């Protein structure tokens, strides 16, 4: 089976981000999918903020 797809692409800095969907996707469903992606990314960002950073390792003085 052959089907047409729509690719929306946004270039930010050196990276390219794409959203792929069927060409007959209802706009409301595409919007809902994008909202789910956004919620996922925000959740991951919040998780990353909550993780304690590894404590800095104190440098030892050279032994003589």
PDB file of N, CA and C in Angstrom:
ATOM      1  N   UNK A   1       0.835  -1.185   0.000  1.00  0.00           N
ATOM      2  CA  UNK A   1       0.000   0.000   0.000  1.00  0.00           C
ATOM      3  C   UNK A   1       0.880   1.248   0.000  1.00  0.00           C
ATOM      4  N   UNK A   2       0.480   2.204  -0.747  1.00  0.00           N
ATOM      5  CA  UNK A   2       1.190   3.480  -0.817  1.00  0.00           C
ATOM      6  C   UNK A   2       0.303   4.543  -0.188  1.00  0.00           C
ATOM      7  N   UNK A   3       0.919   5.357   0.677  1.00  0.00           N
ATOM      8  CA  UNK A   3       0.155   6.439   1.297  1.00  0.00           C
ATOM      9  C   UNK A   3       1.018   7.689   1.359  1.00  0.00           C
ATOM     10  N   UNK A   4       0.357   8.807   1.339  1.00  0.00           N
ATOM     11  CA  UNK A   4       1.048  10.092   1.434  1.00  0.00           C
ATOM     12  C   UNK A   4       1.193  10.479   2.891  1.00  0.00           C
ATOM     13  N   UNK A   5       2.286  11.123   3.206  1.00  0.00           N
ATOM     14  CA  UNK A   5       2.559  11.605   4.560  1.00  0.00           C
ATOM     15  C   UNK A   5       2.882  13.089   4.497  1.00  0.00           C
ATOM     16  N   UNK A   6       2.623  13.750   5.595  1.00  0.00           N
ATOM     17  CA  UNK A   6       2.970  15.153   5.742  1.00  0.00           C
ATOM     18  C   UNK A   6       4.085  15.236   6.771  1.00  0.00           C
ATOM     19  N   UNK A   7       5.118  15.991   6.466  1.00  0.00           N
ATOM     20  CA  UNK A   7       6.212  16.202   7.407  1.00  0.00           C
ATOM     21  C   UNK A   7       6.302  17.693   7.693  1.00  0.00           C
ATOM     22  N   UNK A   8       6.131  18.026   8.971  1.00  0.00           N
ATOM     23  CA  UNK A   8       6.350  19.409   9.404  1.00  0.00           C
ATOM     24  C   UNK A   8       7.741  19.440  10.008  1.00  0.00           C
ATOM     25  N   UNK A   9       8.528  20.414   9.618  1.00  0.00           N
ATOM     26  CA  UNK A   9       9.910  20.473  10.079  1.00  0.00           C
ATOM     27  C   UNK A   9      10.220  21.854  10.618  1.00  0.00           C
ATOM     28  N   UNK A  10      10.900  21.865  11.754  1.00  0.00           N
ATOM     29  CA  UNK A  10      11.363  23.124  12.341  1.00  0.00           C
ATOM     30  C   UNK A  10      12.858  23.004  12.549  1.00  0.00           C
ATOM     31  N   UNK A  11      13.590  24.001  12.109  1.00  0.00           N
ATOM     32  CA  UNK A  11      15.030  24.017  12.303  1.00  0.00           C
ATOM     33  C   UNK A  11      15.345  24.968  13.435  1.00  0.00           C
ATOM     34  N   UNK A  12      16.035  24.442  14.446  1.00  0.00           N
ATOM     35  CA  UNK A  12      16.434  25.261  15.583  1.00  0.00           C
ATOM     36  C   UNK A  12      17.932  25.077  15.752  1.00  0.00           C
ATOM     37  N   UNK A  13      18.650  26.147  15.542  1.00  0.00           N
ATOM     38  CA  UNK A  13      20.109  26.047  15.572  1.00  0.00           C
ATOM     39  C   UNK A  13      20.576  25.122  14.466  1.00  0.00           C
ATOM     40  N   UNK A  14      21.396  24.157  14.812  1.00  0.00           N
ATOM     41  CA  UNK A  14      21.933  23.215  13.833  1.00  0.00           C
ATOM     42  C   UNK A  14      21.060  21.967  13.686  1.00  0.00           C
ATOM     43  N   UNK A  15      20.033  21.835  14.539  1.00  0.00           N
ATOM     44  CA  UNK A  15      19.221  20.621  14.535  1.00  0.00           C
ATOM     45  C   UNK A  15      17.905  20.831  13.794  1.00  0.00           C
ATOM     46  N   UNK A  16      17.379  19.711  13.282  1.00  0.00           N
ATOM     47  CA  UNK A  16      16.106  19.712  12.591  1.00  0.00           C
ATOM     48  C   UNK A  16      15.144  18.802  13.356  1.00  0.00           C
ATOM     49  N   UNK A  17      13.907  19.262  13.588  1.00  0.00           N
ATOM     50  CA  UNK A  17      12.896  18.493  14.307  1.00  0.00           C
ATOM     51  C   UNK A  17      11.720  18.281  13.366  1.00  0.00           C
ATOM     52  N   UNK A  18      11.188  17.048  13.363  1.00  0.00           N
ATOM     53  CA  UNK A  18      10.129  16.718  12.416  1.00  0.00           C
ATOM     54  C   UNK A  18       8.924  16.099  13.104  1.00  0.00           C
ATOM     55  N   UNK A  19       7.754  16.406  12.561  1.00  0.00           N
ATOM     56  CA  UNK A  19       6.497  15.797  12.976  1.00  0.00           C
ATOM     57  C   UNK A  19       5.925  15.164  11.724  1.00  0.00           C
ATOM     58  N   UNK A  20       5.667  13.871  11.777  1.00  0.00           N
ATOM     59  CA  UNK A  20       5.196  13.108  10.617  1.00  0.00           C
ATOM     60  C   UNK A  20       3.786  12.608  10.883  1.00  0.00           C
ATOM     61  N   UNK A  21       2.880  12.823   9.934  1.00  0.00           N
ATOM     62  CA  UNK A  21       1.517  12.307  10.084  1.00  0.00           C
ATOM     63  C   UNK A  21       0.922  12.040   8.702  1.00  0.00           C
ATOM     64  N   UNK A  22      -0.198  11.329   8.699  1.00  0.00           N
ATOM     65  CA  UNK A  22      -0.895  11.063   7.438  1.00  0.00           C
ATOM     66  C   UNK A  22      -1.429  12.385   6.889  1.00  0.00           C
ATOM     67  N   UNK A  23      -1.497  12.476   5.574  1.00  0.00           N
ATOM     68  CA  UNK A  23      -1.914  13.749   4.975  1.00  0.00           C
ATOM     69  C   UNK A  23      -3.384  14.072   5.228  1.00  0.00           C
ATOM     70  N   UNK A  24      -4.176  13.084   5.634  1.00  0.00           N
ATOM     71  CA  UNK A  24      -5.585  13.347   5.910  1.00  0.00           C
ATOM     72  C   UNK A  24      -5.885  13.373   7.412  1.00  0.00           C
ATOM     73  N   UNK A  25      -4.844  13.556   8.225  1.00  0.00           N
ATOM     74  CA  UNK A  25      -5.033  13.624   9.677  1.00  0.00           C
ATOM     75  C   UNK A  25      -5.846  14.869  10.029  1.00  0.00           C
ATOM     76  N   UNK A  26      -6.869  14.695  10.867  1.00  0.00           N
ATOM     77  CA  UNK A  26      -7.617  15.875  11.301  1.00  0.00           C
ATOM     78  C   UNK A  26      -6.704  16.797  12.117  1.00  0.00           C
ATOM     79  N   UNK A  27      -6.839  18.081  11.921  1.00  0.00           N
ATOM     80  CA  UNK A  27      -5.984  19.037  12.622  1.00  0.00           C
ATOM     81  C   UNK A  27      -6.135  18.919  14.134  1.00  0.00           C
ATOM     82  N   UNK A  28      -7.319  18.616  14.601  1.00  0.00           N
ATOM     83  CA  UNK A  28      -7.519  18.466  16.040  1.00  0.00           C
ATOM     84  C   UNK A  28      -6.694  17.314  16.603  1.00  0.00           C
ATOM     85  N   UNK A  29      -6.629  16.199  15.867  1.00  0.00           N
ATOM     86  CA  UNK A  29      -5.828  15.063  16.316  1.00  0.00           C
ATOM     87  C   UNK A  29      -4.339  15.388  16.260  1.00  0.00           C
ATOM     88  N   UNK A  30      -3.908  16.098  15.225  1.00  0.00           N
ATOM     89  CA  UNK A  30      -2.502  16.500  15.133  1.00  0.00           C
ATOM     90  C   UNK A  30      -2.159  17.404  16.320  1.00  0.00           C
ATOM     91  N   UNK A  31      -3.057  18.305  16.660  1.00  0.00           N
ATOM     92  CA  UNK A  31      -2.865  19.186  17.809  1.00  0.00           C
ATOM     93  C   UNK A  31      -2.762  18.378  19.097  1.00  0.00           C
ATOM     94  N   UNK A  32      -3.652  17.400  19.267  1.00  0.00           N
ATOM     95  CA  UNK A  32      -3.624  16.564  20.474  1.00  0.00           C
ATOM     96  C   UNK A  32      -2.316  15.783  20.567  1.00  0.00           C
ATOM     97  N   UNK A  33      -1.830  15.264  19.442  1.00  0.00           N
ATOM     98  CA  UNK A  33      -0.565  14.525  19.437  1.00  0.00           C
ATOM     99  C   UNK A  33       0.587  15.447  19.842  1.00  0.00           C
ATOM    100  N   UNK A  34       0.602  16.650  19.306  1.00  0.00           N
ATOM    101  CA  UNK A  34       1.652  17.604  19.660  1.00  0.00           C
ATOM    102  C   UNK A  34       1.590  17.964  21.145  1.00  0.00           C
ATOM    103  N   UNK A  35       0.390  18.082  21.697  1.00  0.00           N
ATOM    104  CA  UNK A  35       0.246  18.366  23.130  1.00  0.00           C
ATOM    105  C   UNK A  35       0.799  17.214  23.966  1.00  0.00           C
ATOM    106  N   UNK A  36       0.574  15.973  23.523  1.00  0.00           N
ATOM    107  CA  UNK A  36       1.118  14.819  24.244  1.00  0.00           C
ATOM    108  C   UNK A  36       2.642  14.830  24.191  1.00  0.00           C
ATOM    109  N   UNK A  37       3.211  15.155  23.034  1.00  0.00           N
ATOM    110  CA  UNK A  37       4.674  15.234  22.911  1.00  0.00           C
ATOM    111  C   UNK A  37       5.209  16.322  23.840  1.00  0.00           C
ATOM    112  N   UNK A  38       4.530  17.457  23.842  1.00  0.00           N
ATOM    113  CA  UNK A  38       4.971  18.571  24.683  1.00  0.00           C
ATOM    114  C   UNK A  38       4.927  18.180  26.160  1.00  0.00           C
ATOM    115  N   UNK A  39       3.853  17.513  26.577  1.00  0.00           N
ATOM    116  CA  UNK A  39       3.734  17.083  27.975  1.00  0.00           C
ATOM    117  C   UNK A  39       4.851  16.107  28.332  1.00  0.00           C
ATOM    118  N   UNK A  40       5.189  15.224  27.416  1.00  0.00           N
ATOM    119  CA  UNK A  40       6.273  14.263  27.646  1.00  0.00           C
ATOM    120  C   UNK A  40       7.605  14.991  27.852  1.00  0.00           C
ATOM    121  N   UNK A  41       7.885  15.938  26.983  1.00  0.00           N
ATOM    122  CA  UNK A  41       9.147  16.679  27.058  1.00  0.00           C
ATOM    123  C   UNK A  41       9.206  17.499  28.351  1.00  0.00           C
ATOM    124  N   UNK A  42       8.117  18.145  28.704  1.00  0.00           N
ATOM    125  CA  UNK A  42       8.090  18.937  29.938  1.00  0.00           C
ATOM    126  C   UNK A  42       8.305  18.037  31.142  1.00  0.00           C
ATOM    127  N   UNK A  43       7.696  16.845  31.138  1.00  0.00           N
ATOM    128  CA  UNK A  43       7.903  15.889  32.223  1.00  0.00           C
ATOM    129  C   UNK A  43       9.358  15.488  32.356  1.00  0.00           C
ATOM    130  N   UNK A  44      10.010  15.242  31.226  1.00  0.00           N
ATOM    131  CA  UNK A  44      11.435  14.875  31.248  1.00  0.00           C
ATOM    132  C   UNK A  44      12.284  16.037  31.756  1.00  0.00           C
ATOM    133  N   UNK A  45      11.931  17.255  31.393  1.00  0.00           N
ATOM    134  CA  UNK A  45      12.678  18.424  31.871  1.00  0.00           C
ATOM    135  C   UNK A  45      12.519  18.566  33.383  1.00  0.00           C
ATOM    136  N   UNK A  46      11.306  18.338  33.882  1.00  0.00           N
ATOM    137  CA  UNK A  46      11.059  18.436  35.319  1.00  0.00           C
ATOM    138  C   UNK A  46      11.809  17.342  36.076  1.00  0.00           C
ATOM    139  N   UNK A  47      11.841  16.132  35.512  1.00  0.00           N
ATOM    140  CA  UNK A  47      12.602  15.029  36.110  1.00  0.00           C
ATOM    141  C   UNK A  47      14.082  15.402  36.222  1.00  0.00           C
ATOM    142  N   UNK A  48      14.607  15.974  35.151  1.00  0.00           N
ATOM    143  CA  UNK A  48      16.024  16.335  35.124  1.00  0.00           C
ATOM    144  C   UNK A  48      16.332  17.402  36.171  1.00  0.00           C
ATOM    145  N   UNK A  49      15.414  18.318  36.401  1.00  0.00           N
ATOM    146  CA  UNK A  49      15.625  19.370  37.400  1.00  0.00           C
ATOM    147  C   UNK A  49      15.617  18.798  38.816  1.00  0.00           C
ATOM    148  N   UNK A  50      14.831  17.746  39.052  1.00  0.00           N
ATOM    149  CA  UNK A  50      14.700  17.168  40.382  1.00  0.00           C
ATOM    150  C   UNK A  50      15.891  16.297  40.767  1.00  0.00           C
ATOM    151  N   UNK A  51      16.577  15.734  39.788  1.00  0.00           N
ATOM    152  CA  UNK A  51      17.706  14.853  40.078  1.00  0.00           C
ATOM    153  C   UNK A  51      18.821  15.661  40.732  1.00  0.00           C
ATOM    154  N   UNK A  52      19.319  15.176  41.866  1.00  0.00           N
ATOM    155  CA  UNK A  52      20.433  15.903  42.486  1.00  0.00           C
ATOM    156  C   UNK A  52      21.682  15.762  41.625  1.00  0.00           C
ATOM    157  N   UNK A  53      22.387  16.840  41.530  1.00  0.00           N
ATOM    158  CA  UNK A  53      23.617  16.807  40.741  1.00  0.00           C
ATOM    159  C   UNK A  53      24.671  16.029  41.509  1.00  0.00           C
ATOM    160  N   UNK A  54      25.531  15.371  40.782  1.00  0.00           N
ATOM    161  CA  UNK A  54      26.603  14.607  41.416  1.00  0.00           C
ATOM    162  C   UNK A  54      27.497  15.578  42.172  1.00  0.00           C
ATOM    163  N   UNK A  55      27.862  15.244  43.395  1.00  0.00           N
ATOM    164  CA  UNK A  55      28.724  16.151  44.158  1.00  0.00           C
ATOM    165  C   UNK A  55      30.085  16.277  43.481  1.00  0.00           C
ATOM    166  N   UNK A  56      30.599  17.481  43.547  1.00  0.00           N
ATOM    167  CA  UNK A  56      31.911  17.724  42.937  1.00  0.00           C
ATOM    168  C   UNK A  56      32.968  16.947  43.696  1.00  0.00           C
ATOM    169  N   UNK A  57      33.836  16.321  42.980  1.00  0.00           N
ATOM    170  CA  UNK A  57      34.922  15.558  43.593  1.00  0.00           C
ATOM    171  C   UNK A  57      36.053  16.522  43.921  1.00  0.00           C
ATOM    172  N   UNK A  58      36.421  16.553  45.200  1.00  0.00           N
ATOM    173  CA  UNK A  58      37.523  17.438  45.616  1.00  0.00           C
ATOM    174  C   UNK A  58      38.825  16.875  45.077  1.00  0.00           C
ATOM    175  N   UNK A  59      39.617  17.761  44.544  1.00  0.00           N
ATOM    176  CA  UNK A  59      40.898  17.327  44.024  1.00  0.00           C
ATOM    177  C   UNK A  59      41.850  17.073  45.175  1.00  0.00           C
ATOM    178  N   UNK A  60      42.554  15.976  45.092  1.00  0.00           N
ATOM    179  CA  UNK A  60      43.510  15.649  46.144  1.00  0.00           C
ATOM    180  C   UNK A  60      44.838  16.330  45.851  1.00  0.00           C
ATOM    181  N   UNK A  61      45.502  16.727  46.935  1.00  0.00           N
ATOM    182  CA  UNK A  61      46.816  17.333  46.785  1.00  0.00           C
ATOM    183  C   UNK A  61      47.792  16.228  46.380  1.00  0.00           C
ATOM    184  N   UNK A  62      48.718  16.528  45.519  1.00  0.00           N
ATOM    185  CA  UNK A  62      49.682  15.499  45.108  1.00  0.00           C
ATOM    186  C   UNK A  62      50.495  15.010  46.294  1.00  0.00           C
ATOM    187  N   UNK A  63      50.723  13.711  46.372  1.00  0.00           N
ATOM    188  CA  UNK A  63      51.493  13.120  47.471  1.00  0.00           C
ATOM    189  C   UNK A  63      52.968  13.241  47.172  1.00  0.00           C
ATOM    190  N   UNK A  64      53.703  13.593  48.181  1.00  0.00           N
ATOM    191  CA  UNK A  64      55.136  13.773  47.988  1.00  0.00           C
ATOM    192  C   UNK A  64      55.899  12.553  48.392  1.00  0.00           C
TER     193      UNK A  64
END
